Amino acid sequence: MYFSDEIRLVKRTYVDNKPVETYRDVFCDITSISGAEDTNARQTNIKAAARIVLYSDDYDNETLIDYFGGRMLPKGRYSVYRTYYKNDRVELYIEKRKGGQS
């Protein structure tokens, strides 16, 4: 794990019924998902895009990820559909929603 990729964690809250987004840029590793993860995700109509590993101290239950493009993923906004905590790290499993909606 080199934590050489960079993502933007997006937290969406609502003020007076209007969405307000706050952002934080963090370093991470982006990897492909396993075959078992892909199978499990597809059983619930999720098209898994990737696995993101970052330090758990950097994660505050954000549900959206902005990625600016690179070798593993195309540029865009992704949704976190599952998290897995392991020691001092957290794995975020993300999907690209149809039509780019998150």
C-alpha atoms as a PDB file:
ATOM      1  CA  MET A   1       0.000   0.000   0.000  1.00  0.00           C
ATOM      2  CA  TYR A   2       1.583   3.229  -1.175  1.00  0.00           C
ATOM      3  CA  PHE A   3      -1.374   5.609  -0.806  1.00  0.00           C
ATOM      4  CA  SER A   4      -0.389   7.254  -4.073  1.00  0.00           C
ATOM      5  CA  ASP A   5      -3.900   7.929  -5.408  1.00  0.00           C
ATOM      6  CA  GLU A   6      -5.919  10.973  -4.399  1.00  0.00           C
ATOM      7  CA  ILE A   7      -9.676  11.241  -3.991  1.00  0.00           C
ATOM      8  CA  ARG A   8     -12.071  13.852  -2.712  1.00  0.00           C
ATOM      9  CA  LEU A   9     -14.394  12.682   0.060  1.00  0.00           C
ATOM     10  CA  VAL A  10     -17.757  14.415  -0.148  1.00  0.00           C
ATOM     11  CA  LYS A  11     -20.165  14.730   2.749  1.00  0.00           C
ATOM     12  CA  ARG A  12     -23.665  15.913   1.892  1.00  0.00           C
ATOM     13  CA  THR A  13     -25.844  17.503   4.561  1.00  0.00           C
ATOM     14  CA  TYR A  14     -29.069  19.441   4.268  1.00  0.00           C
ATOM     15  CA  VAL A  15     -29.708  22.976   5.496  1.00  0.00           C
ATOM     16  CA  ASP A  16     -33.246  24.301   5.037  1.00  0.00           C
ATOM     17  CA  ASN A  17     -33.927  21.311   2.745  1.00  0.00           C
ATOM     18  CA  LYS A  18     -31.068  22.330   0.435  1.00  0.00           C
ATOM     19  CA  PRO A  19     -28.037  20.080  -0.045  1.00  0.00           C
ATOM     20  CA  VAL A  20     -24.711  21.426   1.208  1.00  0.00           C
ATOM     21  CA  GLU A  21     -21.531  19.554   0.342  1.00  0.00           C
ATOM     22  CA  THR A  22     -18.231  19.695   2.188  1.00  0.00           C
ATOM     23  CA  TYR A  23     -15.039  18.279   0.694  1.00  0.00           C
ATOM     24  CA  ARG A  24     -11.749  16.798   1.891  1.00  0.00           C
ATOM     25  CA  ASP A  25      -8.923  15.524  -0.288  1.00  0.00           C
ATOM     26  CA  VAL A  26      -7.126  12.412   0.981  1.00  0.00           C
ATOM     27  CA  PHE A  27      -4.510   9.974  -0.260  1.00  0.00           C
ATOM     28  CA  CYS A  28      -5.474   6.338  -0.753  1.00  0.00           C
ATOM     29  CA  ASP A  29      -4.945   3.224  -2.835  1.00  0.00           C
ATOM     30  CA  ILE A  30      -7.477   2.327  -5.510  1.00  0.00           C
ATOM     31  CA  THR A  31      -7.631  -1.323  -6.500  1.00  0.00           C
ATOM     32  CA  SER A  32      -9.929  -3.580  -8.436  1.00  0.00           C
ATOM     33  CA  ILE A  33     -12.536  -5.611  -6.597  1.00  0.00           C
ATOM     34  CA  SER A  34     -12.424  -9.354  -6.145  1.00  0.00           C
ATOM     35  CA  GLY A  35     -14.611 -11.737  -8.087  1.00  0.00           C
ATOM     36  CA  ALA A  36     -16.536 -12.601  -4.925  1.00  0.00           C
ATOM     37  CA  GLU A  37     -17.222  -8.911  -4.224  1.00  0.00           C
ATOM     38  CA  ASP A  38     -18.417  -8.422  -7.793  1.00  0.00           C
ATOM     39  CA  THR A  39     -20.754 -11.419  -7.508  1.00  0.00           C
ATOM     40  CA  ASN A  40     -22.162 -10.281  -4.161  1.00  0.00           C
ATOM     41  CA  ALA A  41     -22.684  -6.725  -5.417  1.00  0.00           C
ATOM     42  CA  ARG A  42     -24.453  -7.876  -8.591  1.00  0.00           C
ATOM     43  CA  GLN A  43     -26.901  -9.905  -6.500  1.00  0.00           C
ATOM     44  CA  THR A  44     -28.189  -6.593  -5.139  1.00  0.00           C
ATOM     45  CA  ASN A  45     -28.070  -4.790  -8.523  1.00  0.00           C
ATOM     46  CA  ILE A  46     -24.847  -2.936  -7.724  1.00  0.00           C
ATOM     47  CA  LYS A  47     -22.176  -2.551 -10.388  1.00  0.00           C
ATOM     48  CA  ALA A  48     -19.050  -2.339  -8.256  1.00  0.00           C
ATOM     49  CA  ALA A  49     -16.378  -0.048  -9.671  1.00  0.00           C
ATOM     50  CA  ALA A  50     -13.401  -0.331  -7.316  1.00  0.00           C
ATOM     51  CA  ARG A  51     -12.071  -0.704  -3.798  1.00  0.00           C
ATOM     52  CA  ILE A  52     -10.473   2.272  -2.080  1.00  0.00           C
ATOM     53  CA  VAL A  53      -8.191   1.764   0.921  1.00  0.00           C
ATOM     54  CA  LEU A  54      -7.395   4.692   3.214  1.00  0.00           C
ATOM     55  CA  TYR A  55      -6.544   5.328   6.830  1.00  0.00           C
ATOM     56  CA  SER A  56      -9.636   5.131   9.017  1.00  0.00           C
ATOM     57  CA  ASP A  57      -8.698   8.444  10.673  1.00  0.00           C
ATOM     58  CA  ASP A  58      -9.170  10.100   7.264  1.00  0.00           C
ATOM     59  CA  TYR A  59     -12.718   8.760   6.855  1.00  0.00           C
ATOM     60  CA  ASP A  60     -15.770  10.403   8.435  1.00  0.00           C
ATOM     61  CA  ASN A  61     -18.596   8.302   6.943  1.00  0.00           C
ATOM     62  CA  GLU A  62     -18.687  10.222   3.685  1.00  0.00           C
ATOM     63  CA  THR A  63     -20.981   8.596   1.134  1.00  0.00           C
ATOM     64  CA  LEU A  64     -19.681  10.218  -2.058  1.00  0.00           C
ATOM     65  CA  ILE A  65     -16.278  10.143  -3.739  1.00  0.00           C
ATOM     66  CA  ASP A  66     -14.999  12.443  -6.476  1.00  0.00           C
ATOM     67  CA  TYR A  67     -12.180  11.030  -8.554  1.00  0.00           C
ATOM     68  CA  PHE A  68     -10.245  13.081 -11.071  1.00  0.00           C
ATOM     69  CA  GLY A  69      -9.259  10.211 -13.334  1.00  0.00           C
ATOM     70  CA  GLY A  70      -6.339   7.861 -13.521  1.00  0.00           C
ATOM     71  CA  ARG A  71      -5.262   4.332 -14.263  1.00  0.00           C
ATOM     72  CA  MET A  72      -7.976   2.521 -12.268  1.00  0.00           C
ATOM     73  CA  LEU A  73     -11.123   4.586 -12.755  1.00  0.00           C
ATOM     74  CA  PRO A  74     -12.539   7.163 -15.097  1.00  0.00           C
ATOM     75  CA  LYS A  75     -13.105  10.665 -13.778  1.00  0.00           C
ATOM     76  CA  GLY A  76     -16.418  11.125 -11.992  1.00  0.00           C
ATOM     77  CA  ARG A  77     -18.520  10.895  -8.858  1.00  0.00           C
ATOM     78  CA  TYR A  78     -18.960   7.551  -7.135  1.00  0.00           C
ATOM     79  CA  SER A  79     -21.103   6.331  -4.260  1.00  0.00           C
ATOM     80  CA  VAL A  80     -19.878   4.249  -1.348  1.00  0.00           C
ATOM     81  CA  TYR A  81     -22.066   1.163  -1.069  1.00  0.00           C
ATOM     82  CA  ARG A  82     -20.063  -0.742   1.565  1.00  0.00           C
ATOM     83  CA  THR A  83     -17.289  -0.132   4.088  1.00  0.00           C
ATOM     84  CA  TYR A  84     -14.999  -2.573   5.838  1.00  0.00           C
ATOM     85  CA  TYR A  85     -12.759  -1.579   8.742  1.00  0.00           C
ATOM     86  CA  LYS A  86      -9.495  -3.487   9.127  1.00  0.00           C
ATOM     87  CA  ASN A  87      -7.029  -2.365  11.812  1.00  0.00           C
ATOM     88  CA  ASP A  88      -6.138   1.291  11.138  1.00  0.00           C
ATOM     89  CA  ARG A  89      -7.574   1.276   7.602  1.00  0.00           C
ATOM     90  CA  VAL A  90     -10.969   1.300   5.994  1.00  0.00           C
ATOM     91  CA  GLU A  91     -11.931  -0.202   2.648  1.00  0.00           C
ATOM     92  CA  LEU A  92     -14.571   1.681   0.673  1.00  0.00           C
ATOM     93  CA  TYR A  93     -16.392  -0.209  -2.049  1.00  0.00           C
ATOM     94  CA  ILE A  94     -17.751   2.178  -4.629  1.00  0.00           C
ATOM     95  CA  GLU A  95     -20.154   2.170  -7.543  1.00  0.00           C
ATOM     96  CA  LYS A  96     -20.879   4.536 -10.391  1.00  0.00           C
ATOM     97  CA  ARG A  97     -24.597   5.238 -10.424  1.00  0.00           C
ATOM     98  CA  LYS A  98     -26.485   5.087 -13.728  1.00  0.00           C
ATOM     99  CA  GLY A  99     -26.750   8.477 -15.357  1.00  0.00           C
ATOM    100  CA  GLY A 100     -24.024   9.823 -13.064  1.00  0.00           C
ATOM    101  CA  GLN A 101     -26.492  10.436 -10.231  1.00  0.00           C
ATOM    102  CA  SER A 102     -25.307   9.974  -6.679  1.00  0.00           C
END
